[in-house]
Structures are given as C-alpha cells and as structure tokens.
Amino acid sequence: MKTKLFFIIAACFFMLIQKSFAQKTDLSVFSIQRPYNHTSTNLVWFTHSAPKYFLEVRANFDWNNTVGIYAGKTFGTDTFWIIPEIGGLFGTYKGFGPEVLLGGKYKRIKYFSFNQFVKNVNNLTDFFFQYAEIMVVASKHLALGGGVQTYLETTVKSDAYTDIGPVVKFSFSSFYIKPWYTFDPGHEEIKKIIVGLGYVF
C-alpha cells in the first residue's frame, strides 16, 4: 500500500510541475461493482500528454494492489492518433511489456482502443488485455456508445473473459462521469457495474 501511494503522489507532483508544457492531464477514479460475487474494486488512473512524451500511472487497474507506470509518445492528429508505450507493473503483480493506445474522431464519432501484453516476473501469469470503445457525441454534455474488453491469461490454459455493454459519458466543463454496464457472453453469471469520475485539466 505504501509503495502504491508513493507512486501516485510522485505522478501527481510530476504532472503538476510539467503543466506549463502539457497538452492535457486526465485524473480519474473508477469503481467496479460485481453483484454476482458481492465484490468491488476501486482504481485510480492518471494520464499526462505533452508534446514530446505521454505518461500513464494507474493503481489497481492491471491487478489488485499493483501500480502500473508506462511511458510513450503520441503520433498523429485528432482524426487518428497512436501511442506506443513501454512500462511495468509493481506490487502484488510484477511484470513488464508493451502497450498501444489508439483513437480518433470523425464528426460526432469518437473511438478508442487500449492493447496490452504483460510478461510476469514473480510466478504469476502473463496476460493479454484489450479494450475498445466507440461513442457518438450527442451534445456538449452527453455521449453514448458501447465498450468491450477482453482479458486472457497466456501462461496457463484459461478461458478469455469478455465484458461488453453500453457506455454513457456525461461531461460538465472539465469534469465527467462515465457509467458502463457490462455482461460476459461466455460466462452468463458475470455482470459488472462500472462508474468513472474524471477531471481533465
């Protein structure tokens, strides 16, 4: 826990002192509720975009009690952009690997994809994760769409877990709220309610 707090505080400080050179910083917290087994997870996510680099720090997203730190660079325009990254995970899960973020927009349509592979170094499994989202901007304050994510452990034989469902994003100035209800077509009992609260500056 102390290690996780240290990385989060360090990331916040770094982003604030770099603000004069930044294009965008996004700070968000998400709550994941699992009614089927009465458990929940809370995660924190920072991204910081600057002309020469892209920095990402997150806690509890990749694995419980684990911090992820990734760095890369943005290429492209608002219509289509791609961010290749490299980084590692520290905490209960320890590992490293590449990520690729990509997205863009066309008129009122926005799309985003997150692609990750992690090689484990402390006797847990390697894994692959992929998330894709498409949204239609209905108004200044509302966007509607859908998202799908897939998680697959690659060290041991395991079923792929998929979450798919509708996404809504409410925006108010620099703040946003993003609810997402998901189900898994391959595991009917698995349903989740995910709510994110973010601040962009």
N, C-alpha and C. Protein backbone atom coordinates (compact mmCIF):
# COMPACT_ATOMS: atom_id res chain seq x y z
N MET A 1 0.83 -1.20 0.00
CA MET A 1 0.00 0.00 0.00
C MET A 1 0.86 1.26 0.00
N LYS A 2 1.94 1.28 0.82
CA LYS A 2 2.81 2.44 0.87
C LYS A 2 3.47 2.69 -0.48
N THR A 3 3.88 1.60 -1.15
CA THR A 3 4.50 1.75 -2.47
C THR A 3 3.52 2.35 -3.46
N LYS A 4 2.29 1.89 -3.41
CA LYS A 4 1.27 2.39 -4.33
C LYS A 4 1.02 3.88 -4.10
N LEU A 5 0.90 4.29 -2.85
CA LEU A 5 0.67 5.70 -2.55
C LEU A 5 1.86 6.55 -2.99
N PHE A 6 3.06 6.04 -2.82
CA PHE A 6 4.25 6.79 -3.22
C PHE A 6 4.22 7.07 -4.72
N PHE A 7 3.93 6.06 -5.54
CA PHE A 7 3.92 6.23 -6.99
C PHE A 7 2.82 7.19 -7.41
N ILE A 8 1.65 7.12 -6.77
CA ILE A 8 0.55 8.01 -7.12
C ILE A 8 0.91 9.47 -6.81
N ILE A 9 1.44 9.70 -5.61
CA ILE A 9 1.81 11.06 -5.22
C ILE A 9 2.92 11.60 -6.11
N ALA A 10 3.91 10.76 -6.42
CA ALA A 10 5.00 11.18 -7.30
C ALA A 10 4.49 11.54 -8.68
N ALA A 11 3.54 10.75 -9.19
CA ALA A 11 2.98 11.03 -10.51
C ALA A 11 2.23 12.35 -10.52
N CYS A 12 1.42 12.60 -9.48
CA CYS A 12 0.69 13.87 -9.38
C CYS A 12 1.65 15.06 -9.36
N PHE A 13 2.70 14.96 -8.56
CA PHE A 13 3.66 16.04 -8.47
C PHE A 13 4.34 16.29 -9.81
N PHE A 14 4.74 15.22 -10.48
CA PHE A 14 5.40 15.36 -11.77
C PHE A 14 4.48 16.04 -12.78
N MET A 15 3.24 15.64 -12.80
CA MET A 15 2.31 16.21 -13.77
C MET A 15 2.06 17.69 -13.50
N LEU A 16 1.97 18.06 -12.24
CA LEU A 16 1.70 19.45 -11.91
C LEU A 16 2.86 20.36 -12.28
N ILE A 17 4.11 19.92 -12.03
CA ILE A 17 5.24 20.78 -12.33
C ILE A 17 5.48 20.86 -13.83
N GLN A 18 4.95 19.89 -14.58
CA GLN A 18 5.10 19.90 -16.03
C GLN A 18 3.94 20.57 -16.74
N LYS A 19 2.99 21.09 -16.00
CA LYS A 19 1.75 21.59 -16.60
C LYS A 19 2.00 22.65 -17.67
N SER A 20 3.01 23.48 -17.50
CA SER A 20 3.24 24.55 -18.46
C SER A 20 3.61 24.03 -19.84
N PHE A 21 4.06 22.77 -19.90
CA PHE A 21 4.45 22.17 -21.17
C PHE A 21 3.41 21.17 -21.68
N ALA A 22 2.33 20.97 -20.95
CA ALA A 22 1.41 19.87 -21.23
C ALA A 22 0.31 20.27 -22.19
N GLN A 23 -0.22 19.27 -22.86
CA GLN A 23 -1.42 19.44 -23.66
C GLN A 23 -2.65 19.07 -22.86
N LYS A 24 -2.55 17.96 -22.11
CA LYS A 24 -3.72 17.52 -21.34
C LYS A 24 -3.31 16.57 -20.22
N THR A 25 -3.96 16.72 -19.09
CA THR A 25 -3.81 15.78 -17.98
C THR A 25 -5.20 15.30 -17.58
N ASP A 26 -5.33 13.99 -17.40
CA ASP A 26 -6.61 13.38 -17.03
C ASP A 26 -6.42 12.59 -15.76
N LEU A 27 -7.17 12.94 -14.72
CA LEU A 27 -7.16 12.22 -13.45
C LEU A 27 -8.53 11.61 -13.24
N SER A 28 -8.60 10.30 -13.06
CA SER A 28 -9.91 9.65 -12.92
C SER A 28 -9.87 8.55 -11.87
N VAL A 29 -11.02 8.29 -11.28
CA VAL A 29 -11.20 7.17 -10.36
C VAL A 29 -12.39 6.36 -10.85
N PHE A 30 -12.28 5.05 -10.73
CA PHE A 30 -13.34 4.15 -11.18
C PHE A 30 -13.71 3.19 -10.06
N SER A 31 -14.99 2.88 -9.97
CA SER A 31 -15.48 1.87 -9.04
C SER A 31 -16.10 0.74 -9.85
N ILE A 32 -15.65 -0.47 -9.62
CA ILE A 32 -16.16 -1.65 -10.32
C ILE A 32 -16.94 -2.50 -9.33
N GLN A 33 -18.22 -2.65 -9.54
CA GLN A 33 -19.09 -3.44 -8.68
C GLN A 33 -19.44 -4.75 -9.38
N ARG A 34 -19.32 -5.88 -8.64
CA ARG A 34 -19.61 -7.20 -9.18
C ARG A 34 -20.74 -7.83 -8.35
N PRO A 35 -21.99 -7.62 -8.75
CA PRO A 35 -23.13 -8.15 -7.98
C PRO A 35 -23.13 -9.66 -7.87
N TYR A 36 -22.53 -10.37 -8.85
CA TYR A 36 -22.60 -11.83 -8.86
C TYR A 36 -21.79 -12.47 -7.72
N ASN A 37 -20.75 -11.79 -7.23
CA ASN A 37 -19.99 -12.34 -6.10
C ASN A 37 -19.80 -11.33 -4.97
N HIS A 38 -20.53 -10.20 -5.06
CA HIS A 38 -20.56 -9.19 -3.99
C HIS A 38 -19.16 -8.63 -3.68
N THR A 39 -18.37 -8.38 -4.71
CA THR A 39 -17.06 -7.77 -4.53
C THR A 39 -16.98 -6.47 -5.32
N SER A 40 -15.98 -5.67 -5.00
CA SER A 40 -15.79 -4.41 -5.71
C SER A 40 -14.31 -4.07 -5.75
N THR A 41 -13.94 -3.24 -6.71
CA THR A 41 -12.57 -2.75 -6.86
C THR A 41 -12.62 -1.27 -7.18
N ASN A 42 -11.75 -0.51 -6.55
CA ASN A 42 -11.61 0.91 -6.87
C ASN A 42 -10.23 1.13 -7.47
N LEU A 43 -10.17 1.89 -8.56
CA LEU A 43 -8.89 2.12 -9.21
C LEU A 43 -8.70 3.60 -9.51
N VAL A 44 -7.44 3.99 -9.64
CA VAL A 44 -7.05 5.38 -9.92
C VAL A 44 -6.23 5.38 -11.20
N TRP A 45 -6.45 6.40 -12.03
CA TRP A 45 -5.77 6.45 -13.33
C TRP A 45 -5.34 7.88 -13.63
N PHE A 46 -4.07 8.07 -13.97
CA PHE A 46 -3.53 9.35 -14.41
C PHE A 46 -2.98 9.20 -15.83
N THR A 47 -3.27 10.14 -16.69
CA THR A 47 -2.55 10.23 -17.97
C THR A 47 -2.12 11.68 -18.17
N HIS A 48 -0.95 11.84 -18.75
CA HIS A 48 -0.39 13.18 -18.94
C HIS A 48 0.21 13.23 -20.34
N SER A 49 -0.32 14.11 -21.17
CA SER A 49 0.13 14.22 -22.56
C SER A 49 0.89 15.52 -22.75
N ALA A 50 2.10 15.41 -23.28
CA ALA A 50 2.94 16.56 -23.59
C ALA A 50 3.47 16.41 -25.01
N PRO A 51 4.00 17.47 -25.60
CA PRO A 51 4.47 17.38 -26.99
C PRO A 51 5.49 16.28 -27.25
N LYS A 52 6.36 15.99 -26.27
CA LYS A 52 7.43 15.03 -26.52
C LYS A 52 7.26 13.70 -25.82
N TYR A 53 6.21 13.54 -25.00
CA TYR A 53 6.05 12.26 -24.30
C TYR A 53 4.61 12.10 -23.82
N PHE A 54 4.28 10.87 -23.46
CA PHE A 54 2.99 10.54 -22.86
C PHE A 54 3.28 9.68 -21.64
N LEU A 55 2.74 10.06 -20.49
CA LEU A 55 2.98 9.34 -19.23
C LEU A 55 1.67 8.82 -18.68
N GLU A 56 1.69 7.60 -18.18
CA GLU A 56 0.49 6.97 -17.64
C GLU A 56 0.84 6.26 -16.34
N VAL A 57 0.07 6.54 -15.28
CA VAL A 57 0.24 5.88 -13.98
C VAL A 57 -1.14 5.46 -13.49
N ARG A 58 -1.27 4.21 -13.08
CA ARG A 58 -2.57 3.72 -12.64
C ARG A 58 -2.39 2.73 -11.48
N ALA A 59 -3.39 2.66 -10.62
CA ALA A 59 -3.34 1.77 -9.47
C ALA A 59 -4.60 0.91 -9.43
N ASN A 60 -4.41 -0.40 -9.24
CA ASN A 60 -5.49 -1.38 -9.12
C ASN A 60 -6.18 -1.70 -10.44
N PHE A 61 -5.69 -1.17 -11.55
CA PHE A 61 -6.30 -1.48 -12.84
C PHE A 61 -5.82 -2.82 -13.38
N ASP A 62 -4.53 -3.01 -13.45
CA ASP A 62 -3.96 -4.21 -14.05
C ASP A 62 -4.09 -5.44 -13.14
N TRP A 63 -3.97 -5.21 -11.85
CA TRP A 63 -4.02 -6.30 -10.86
C TRP A 63 -4.26 -5.63 -9.50
N ASN A 64 -4.89 -6.34 -8.59
CA ASN A 64 -5.14 -5.77 -7.26
C ASN A 64 -3.82 -5.44 -6.56
N ASN A 65 -3.82 -4.30 -5.87
CA ASN A 65 -2.64 -3.84 -5.11
C ASN A 65 -1.39 -3.76 -5.98
N THR A 66 -1.58 -3.24 -7.18
CA THR A 66 -0.49 -3.13 -8.15
C THR A 66 -0.55 -1.78 -8.85
N VAL A 67 0.61 -1.17 -9.05
CA VAL A 67 0.72 0.10 -9.76
C VAL A 67 1.35 -0.15 -11.12
N GLY A 68 0.79 0.47 -12.15
CA GLY A 68 1.37 0.41 -13.49
C GLY A 68 1.93 1.76 -13.88
N ILE A 69 3.14 1.77 -14.44
CA ILE A 69 3.77 3.00 -14.91
C ILE A 69 4.22 2.77 -16.36
N TYR A 70 3.70 3.60 -17.27
CA TYR A 70 4.00 3.44 -18.69
C TYR A 70 4.35 4.79 -19.29
N ALA A 71 5.22 4.77 -20.29
CA ALA A 71 5.61 6.00 -20.98
C ALA A 71 5.71 5.73 -22.47
N GLY A 72 5.37 6.74 -23.26
CA GLY A 72 5.45 6.61 -24.71
C GLY A 72 5.37 7.97 -25.37
N LYS A 73 4.95 7.97 -26.62
CA LYS A 73 4.86 9.21 -27.38
C LYS A 73 3.67 9.14 -28.32
N THR A 74 2.96 10.27 -28.48
CA THR A 74 1.80 10.35 -29.36
C THR A 74 2.21 10.71 -30.78
N PHE A 75 1.64 9.96 -31.73
CA PHE A 75 1.84 10.25 -33.15
C PHE A 75 0.46 10.40 -33.80
N GLY A 76 0.31 11.36 -34.70
CA GLY A 76 -0.94 11.51 -35.42
C GLY A 76 -1.63 12.83 -35.15
N THR A 77 -2.93 12.86 -35.47
CA THR A 77 -3.76 14.05 -35.31
C THR A 77 -5.03 13.67 -34.56
N ASP A 78 -5.93 14.64 -34.38
CA ASP A 78 -7.19 14.36 -33.71
C ASP A 78 -8.03 13.33 -34.47
N THR A 79 -7.87 13.29 -35.79
CA THR A 79 -8.63 12.33 -36.59
C THR A 79 -8.19 10.90 -36.32
N PHE A 80 -6.89 10.70 -36.22
CA PHE A 80 -6.34 9.38 -35.85
C PHE A 80 -5.00 9.58 -35.16
N TRP A 81 -4.85 8.99 -33.97
CA TRP A 81 -3.59 9.06 -33.25
C TRP A 81 -3.25 7.69 -32.68
N ILE A 82 -1.96 7.48 -32.42
CA ILE A 82 -1.49 6.22 -31.85
C ILE A 82 -0.38 6.51 -30.86
N ILE A 83 -0.38 5.78 -29.74
CA ILE A 83 0.63 5.97 -28.70
C ILE A 83 1.25 4.62 -28.37
N PRO A 84 2.43 4.31 -28.87
CA PRO A 84 3.16 3.11 -28.41
C PRO A 84 3.80 3.41 -27.06
N GLU A 85 3.70 2.46 -26.14
CA GLU A 85 4.23 2.65 -24.79
C GLU A 85 5.00 1.42 -24.33
N ILE A 86 5.84 1.62 -23.34
CA ILE A 86 6.51 0.53 -22.64
C ILE A 86 6.49 0.86 -21.16
N GLY A 87 6.36 -0.18 -20.32
CA GLY A 87 6.31 0.10 -18.90
C GLY A 87 6.28 -1.16 -18.09
N GLY A 88 5.94 -1.01 -16.80
CA GLY A 88 5.94 -2.15 -15.90
C GLY A 88 4.91 -2.05 -14.82
N LEU A 89 4.69 -3.17 -14.15
CA LEU A 89 3.75 -3.28 -13.03
C LEU A 89 4.52 -3.60 -11.77
N PHE A 90 4.14 -2.95 -10.65
CA PHE A 90 4.85 -3.08 -9.40
C PHE A 90 3.85 -3.26 -8.26
N GLY A 91 4.07 -4.27 -7.42
CA GLY A 91 3.16 -4.53 -6.32
C GLY A 91 2.94 -6.02 -6.18
N THR A 92 1.69 -6.43 -5.94
CA THR A 92 1.38 -7.86 -5.87
C THR A 92 1.78 -8.57 -7.15
N TYR A 93 1.53 -7.91 -8.28
CA TYR A 93 1.94 -8.42 -9.59
C TYR A 93 3.14 -7.61 -10.07
N LYS A 94 4.15 -8.33 -10.52
CA LYS A 94 5.34 -7.66 -11.07
C LYS A 94 5.55 -8.15 -12.50
N GLY A 95 5.69 -7.20 -13.42
CA GLY A 95 5.88 -7.57 -14.81
C GLY A 95 6.18 -6.36 -15.67
N PHE A 96 6.34 -6.61 -16.96
CA PHE A 96 6.64 -5.52 -17.89
C PHE A 96 6.13 -5.91 -19.27
N GLY A 97 6.03 -4.91 -20.16
CA GLY A 97 5.60 -5.21 -21.50
C GLY A 97 5.16 -3.97 -22.26
N PRO A 98 4.75 -4.17 -23.51
CA PRO A 98 4.33 -3.06 -24.36
C PRO A 98 2.83 -2.79 -24.28
N GLU A 99 2.46 -1.58 -24.62
CA GLU A 99 1.06 -1.20 -24.80
C GLU A 99 0.95 -0.35 -26.06
N VAL A 100 -0.22 -0.38 -26.65
CA VAL A 100 -0.51 0.52 -27.77
C VAL A 100 -1.90 1.10 -27.54
N LEU A 101 -1.98 2.42 -27.46
CA LEU A 101 -3.24 3.14 -27.39
C LEU A 101 -3.49 3.78 -28.75
N LEU A 102 -4.72 3.75 -29.20
CA LEU A 102 -5.03 4.44 -30.45
C LEU A 102 -6.47 4.93 -30.40
N GLY A 103 -6.74 5.97 -31.18
CA GLY A 103 -8.08 6.52 -31.19
C GLY A 103 -8.19 7.65 -32.20
N GLY A 104 -9.32 8.32 -32.16
CA GLY A 104 -9.53 9.42 -33.08
C GLY A 104 -10.99 9.82 -33.09
N LYS A 105 -11.34 10.66 -34.05
CA LYS A 105 -12.73 11.10 -34.16
C LYS A 105 -13.05 11.45 -35.61
N TYR A 106 -14.32 11.26 -35.95
CA TYR A 106 -14.83 11.64 -37.26
C TYR A 106 -16.20 12.24 -37.05
N LYS A 107 -16.31 13.54 -37.25
CA LYS A 107 -17.55 14.27 -36.99
C LYS A 107 -17.97 14.04 -35.55
N ARG A 108 -19.11 13.39 -35.31
CA ARG A 108 -19.58 13.18 -33.93
C ARG A 108 -19.16 11.82 -33.35
N ILE A 109 -18.40 11.07 -34.10
CA ILE A 109 -17.99 9.74 -33.65
C ILE A 109 -16.57 9.78 -33.09
N LYS A 110 -16.40 9.22 -31.89
CA LYS A 110 -15.08 9.08 -31.29
C LYS A 110 -14.81 7.61 -31.01
N TYR A 111 -13.57 7.19 -31.20
CA TYR A 111 -13.22 5.80 -30.96
C TYR A 111 -11.89 5.71 -30.22
N PHE A 112 -11.71 4.61 -29.49
CA PHE A 112 -10.52 4.43 -28.67
C PHE A 112 -10.26 2.94 -28.50
N SER A 113 -8.97 2.57 -28.49
CA SER A 113 -8.58 1.18 -28.25
C SER A 113 -7.32 1.14 -27.39
N PHE A 114 -7.31 0.21 -26.43
CA PHE A 114 -6.21 0.02 -25.49
C PHE A 114 -5.76 -1.44 -25.64
N ASN A 115 -4.48 -1.66 -25.94
CA ASN A 115 -3.98 -3.02 -26.20
C ASN A 115 -2.72 -3.25 -25.39
N GLN A 116 -2.68 -4.35 -24.63
CA GLN A 116 -1.61 -4.55 -23.65
C GLN A 116 -1.20 -6.02 -23.57
N PHE A 117 0.10 -6.25 -23.48
CA PHE A 117 0.63 -7.57 -23.12
C PHE A 117 1.63 -7.39 -21.99
N VAL A 118 1.54 -8.27 -20.97
CA VAL A 118 2.44 -8.16 -19.82
C VAL A 118 3.13 -9.50 -19.58
N LYS A 119 4.45 -9.45 -19.46
CA LYS A 119 5.26 -10.60 -19.09
C LYS A 119 5.50 -10.57 -17.59
N ASN A 120 5.07 -11.62 -16.89
CA ASN A 120 5.19 -11.66 -15.44
C ASN A 120 6.59 -12.11 -15.01
N VAL A 121 7.05 -11.58 -13.85
CA VAL A 121 8.36 -11.96 -13.34
C VAL A 121 8.32 -12.45 -11.89
N ASN A 122 7.12 -12.68 -11.32
CA ASN A 122 7.06 -13.17 -9.93
C ASN A 122 6.07 -14.32 -9.79
N ASN A 123 6.17 -15.29 -10.69
CA ASN A 123 5.44 -16.56 -10.60
C ASN A 123 3.93 -16.43 -10.69
N LEU A 124 3.44 -15.37 -11.36
CA LEU A 124 2.04 -15.28 -11.71
C LEU A 124 1.95 -15.43 -13.24
N THR A 125 0.79 -15.24 -13.80
CA THR A 125 0.62 -15.49 -15.22
C THR A 125 0.92 -14.27 -16.09
N ASP A 126 1.42 -14.50 -17.29
CA ASP A 126 1.42 -13.46 -18.31
C ASP A 126 -0.03 -13.23 -18.73
N PHE A 127 -0.33 -12.03 -19.27
CA PHE A 127 -1.70 -11.83 -19.74
C PHE A 127 -1.76 -10.83 -20.87
N PHE A 128 -2.86 -10.93 -21.60
CA PHE A 128 -3.19 -10.01 -22.68
C PHE A 128 -4.49 -9.31 -22.33
N PHE A 129 -4.55 -8.00 -22.58
CA PHE A 129 -5.77 -7.23 -22.32
C PHE A 129 -6.04 -6.30 -23.48
N GLN A 130 -7.32 -6.21 -23.85
CA GLN A 130 -7.70 -5.32 -24.94
C GLN A 130 -9.04 -4.67 -24.62
N TYR A 131 -9.13 -3.36 -24.85
CA TYR A 131 -10.37 -2.62 -24.65
C TYR A 131 -10.64 -1.78 -25.89
N ALA A 132 -11.88 -1.75 -26.34
CA ALA A 132 -12.27 -0.92 -27.48
C ALA A 132 -13.58 -0.22 -27.17
N GLU A 133 -13.70 1.02 -27.63
CA GLU A 133 -14.87 1.84 -27.34
C GLU A 133 -15.20 2.72 -28.52
N ILE A 134 -16.47 2.87 -28.80
CA ILE A 134 -16.92 3.81 -29.81
C ILE A 134 -18.08 4.61 -29.22
N MET A 135 -18.02 5.93 -29.40
CA MET A 135 -19.02 6.82 -28.80
C MET A 135 -19.53 7.80 -29.85
N VAL A 136 -20.80 8.15 -29.73
CA VAL A 136 -21.41 9.20 -30.55
C VAL A 136 -21.68 10.39 -29.64
N VAL A 137 -21.12 11.54 -29.99
CA VAL A 137 -21.31 12.75 -29.19
C VAL A 137 -22.66 13.34 -29.53
N ALA A 138 -23.62 13.19 -28.62
CA ALA A 138 -24.98 13.66 -28.86
C ALA A 138 -25.13 15.14 -28.59
N SER A 139 -24.37 15.66 -27.64
CA SER A 139 -24.42 17.07 -27.30
C SER A 139 -23.15 17.44 -26.56
N LYS A 140 -23.06 18.69 -26.13
CA LYS A 140 -21.89 19.16 -25.40
C LYS A 140 -21.68 18.39 -24.11
N HIS A 141 -22.78 17.90 -23.53
CA HIS A 141 -22.72 17.26 -22.21
C HIS A 141 -22.96 15.76 -22.25
N LEU A 142 -23.24 15.17 -23.41
CA LEU A 142 -23.64 13.77 -23.44
C LEU A 142 -23.04 13.03 -24.63
N ALA A 143 -22.48 11.85 -24.37
CA ALA A 143 -22.01 10.95 -25.42
C ALA A 143 -22.52 9.54 -25.10
N LEU A 144 -22.91 8.81 -26.15
CA LEU A 144 -23.49 7.48 -25.99
C LEU A 144 -22.72 6.50 -26.86
N GLY A 145 -22.57 5.27 -26.36
CA GLY A 145 -21.86 4.28 -27.17
C GLY A 145 -21.77 2.94 -26.48
N GLY A 146 -20.72 2.22 -26.82
CA GLY A 146 -20.52 0.89 -26.26
C GLY A 146 -19.05 0.59 -26.11
N GLY A 147 -18.75 -0.34 -25.21
CA GLY A 147 -17.37 -0.74 -24.97
C GLY A 147 -17.27 -2.25 -24.82
N VAL A 148 -16.11 -2.79 -25.17
CA VAL A 148 -15.85 -4.22 -24.99
C VAL A 148 -14.40 -4.41 -24.57
N GLN A 149 -14.18 -5.26 -23.59
CA GLN A 149 -12.81 -5.57 -23.16
C GLN A 149 -12.64 -7.08 -23.01
N THR A 150 -11.42 -7.54 -23.29
CA THR A 150 -11.11 -8.96 -23.22
C THR A 150 -9.83 -9.16 -22.42
N TYR A 151 -9.87 -10.13 -21.50
CA TYR A 151 -8.71 -10.47 -20.67
C TYR A 151 -8.40 -11.94 -20.86
N LEU A 152 -7.13 -12.26 -21.15
CA LEU A 152 -6.73 -13.65 -21.38
C LEU A 152 -5.39 -13.91 -20.72
N GLU A 153 -5.36 -14.90 -19.83
CA GLU A 153 -4.10 -15.33 -19.23
C GLU A 153 -3.40 -16.28 -20.20
N THR A 154 -2.14 -16.01 -20.50
CA THR A 154 -1.45 -16.74 -21.55
C THR A 154 -0.45 -17.77 -21.05
N THR A 155 -0.08 -17.72 -19.76
CA THR A 155 0.88 -18.69 -19.22
C THR A 155 0.21 -20.03 -18.99
N VAL A 156 -1.02 -20.01 -18.50
CA VAL A 156 -1.78 -21.24 -18.25
C VAL A 156 -3.00 -21.25 -19.16
N LYS A 157 -3.54 -22.43 -19.40
CA LYS A 157 -4.73 -22.53 -20.22
C LYS A 157 -5.91 -21.93 -19.47
N SER A 158 -6.54 -20.96 -20.07
CA SER A 158 -7.61 -20.24 -19.40
C SER A 158 -8.61 -19.71 -20.42
N ASP A 159 -9.86 -19.65 -20.02
CA ASP A 159 -10.86 -19.03 -20.88
C ASP A 159 -10.61 -17.53 -20.96
N ALA A 160 -10.95 -16.95 -22.08
CA ALA A 160 -10.93 -15.49 -22.20
C ALA A 160 -12.18 -14.93 -21.54
N TYR A 161 -12.02 -13.86 -20.80
CA TYR A 161 -13.15 -13.18 -20.17
C TYR A 161 -13.41 -11.89 -20.94
N THR A 162 -14.67 -11.68 -21.27
CA THR A 162 -15.07 -10.52 -22.08
C THR A 162 -16.16 -9.74 -21.37
N ASP A 163 -15.99 -8.45 -21.28
CA ASP A 163 -17.03 -7.55 -20.76
C ASP A 163 -17.50 -6.69 -21.92
N ILE A 164 -18.80 -6.65 -22.14
CA ILE A 164 -19.34 -5.85 -23.23
C ILE A 164 -20.64 -5.19 -22.77
N GLY A 165 -20.86 -3.96 -23.19
CA GLY A 165 -22.09 -3.30 -22.79
C GLY A 165 -22.11 -1.82 -23.14
N PRO A 166 -23.23 -1.17 -22.85
CA PRO A 166 -23.40 0.24 -23.19
C PRO A 166 -22.61 1.16 -22.27
N VAL A 167 -22.12 2.27 -22.85
CA VAL A 167 -21.36 3.28 -22.11
C VAL A 167 -22.03 4.64 -22.31
N VAL A 168 -22.12 5.40 -21.23
CA VAL A 168 -22.64 6.76 -21.29
C VAL A 168 -21.61 7.69 -20.65
N LYS A 169 -21.39 8.85 -21.26
CA LYS A 169 -20.46 9.82 -20.69
C LYS A 169 -21.15 11.17 -20.54
N PHE A 170 -21.21 11.67 -19.30
CA PHE A 170 -21.76 12.98 -19.01
C PHE A 170 -20.60 13.94 -18.74
N SER A 171 -20.54 15.05 -19.46
CA SER A 171 -19.44 16.00 -19.30
C SER A 171 -19.97 17.34 -18.79
N PHE A 172 -19.26 17.89 -17.81
CA PHE A 172 -19.61 19.18 -17.23
C PHE A 172 -18.34 19.99 -17.08
N SER A 173 -18.08 20.88 -18.03
CA SER A 173 -16.84 21.66 -18.04
C SER A 173 -15.66 20.69 -18.07
N SER A 174 -14.81 20.70 -17.04
CA SER A 174 -13.64 19.83 -17.03
C SER A 174 -13.90 18.48 -16.36
N PHE A 175 -15.08 18.27 -15.82
CA PHE A 175 -15.42 17.04 -15.13
C PHE A 175 -16.24 16.12 -16.03
N TYR A 176 -16.14 14.82 -15.78
CA TYR A 176 -17.00 13.88 -16.49
C TYR A 176 -17.36 12.70 -15.59
N ILE A 177 -18.52 12.10 -15.88
CA ILE A 177 -18.99 10.88 -15.22
C ILE A 177 -19.24 9.85 -16.32
N LYS A 178 -18.77 8.64 -16.10
CA LYS A 178 -18.83 7.63 -17.17
C LYS A 178 -19.31 6.28 -16.62
N PRO A 179 -20.61 6.00 -16.66
CA PRO A 179 -21.13 4.69 -16.26
C PRO A 179 -21.03 3.68 -17.40
N TRP A 180 -20.76 2.43 -17.04
CA TRP A 180 -20.66 1.34 -18.01
C TRP A 180 -21.23 0.07 -17.39
N TYR A 181 -22.25 -0.48 -18.00
CA TYR A 181 -22.83 -1.75 -17.55
C TYR A 181 -22.36 -2.85 -18.48
N THR A 182 -21.82 -3.95 -17.94
CA THR A 182 -21.26 -4.99 -18.78
C THR A 182 -21.80 -6.38 -18.44
N PHE A 183 -21.74 -7.26 -19.43
CA PHE A 183 -22.00 -8.68 -19.24
C PHE A 183 -20.97 -9.46 -20.05
N ASP A 184 -20.79 -10.75 -19.72
CA ASP A 184 -19.83 -11.61 -20.40
C ASP A 184 -20.60 -12.69 -21.15
N PRO A 185 -20.59 -12.67 -22.50
CA PRO A 185 -21.36 -13.67 -23.26
C PRO A 185 -20.93 -15.11 -22.98
N GLY A 186 -19.68 -15.33 -22.59
CA GLY A 186 -19.20 -16.68 -22.32
C GLY A 186 -19.38 -17.13 -20.89
N HIS A 187 -19.73 -16.20 -20.00
CA HIS A 187 -19.93 -16.51 -18.59
C HIS A 187 -21.14 -15.70 -18.12
N GLU A 188 -22.31 -16.28 -18.28
CA GLU A 188 -23.55 -15.53 -18.12
C GLU A 188 -23.72 -14.92 -16.73
N GLU A 189 -23.08 -15.52 -15.72
CA GLU A 189 -23.26 -15.01 -14.36
C GLU A 189 -22.46 -13.73 -14.10
N ILE A 190 -21.50 -13.42 -14.97
CA ILE A 190 -20.61 -12.29 -14.73
C ILE A 190 -21.20 -11.01 -15.33
N LYS A 191 -21.65 -10.16 -14.45
CA LYS A 191 -22.16 -8.83 -14.84
C LYS A 191 -21.50 -7.81 -13.92
N LYS A 192 -21.17 -6.64 -14.47
CA LYS A 192 -20.49 -5.62 -13.70
C LYS A 192 -21.13 -4.25 -13.92
N ILE A 193 -21.03 -3.43 -12.89
CA ILE A 193 -21.43 -2.02 -12.99
C ILE A 193 -20.18 -1.20 -12.70
N ILE A 194 -19.76 -0.42 -13.70
CA ILE A 194 -18.52 0.35 -13.60
C ILE A 194 -18.86 1.83 -13.73
N VAL A 195 -18.39 2.63 -12.79
CA VAL A 195 -18.66 4.08 -12.83
C VAL A 195 -17.34 4.82 -12.65
N GLY A 196 -17.06 5.71 -13.61
CA GLY A 196 -15.85 6.51 -13.53
C GLY A 196 -16.15 7.98 -13.31
N LEU A 197 -15.30 8.65 -12.55
CA LEU A 197 -15.40 10.09 -12.32
C LEU A 197 -14.04 10.68 -12.65
N GLY A 198 -14.02 11.64 -13.60
CA GLY A 198 -12.74 12.18 -14.04
C GLY A 198 -12.70 13.69 -14.09
N TYR A 199 -11.47 14.20 -14.12
CA TYR A 199 -11.21 15.63 -14.22
C TYR A 199 -10.10 15.85 -15.23
N VAL A 200 -10.32 16.66 -16.25
CA VAL A 200 -9.35 16.93 -17.29
C VAL A 200 -8.88 18.38 -17.15
N PHE A 201 -7.55 18.57 -17.13
CA PHE A 201 -7.02 19.93 -17.00
C PHE A 201 -5.70 20.05 -17.75
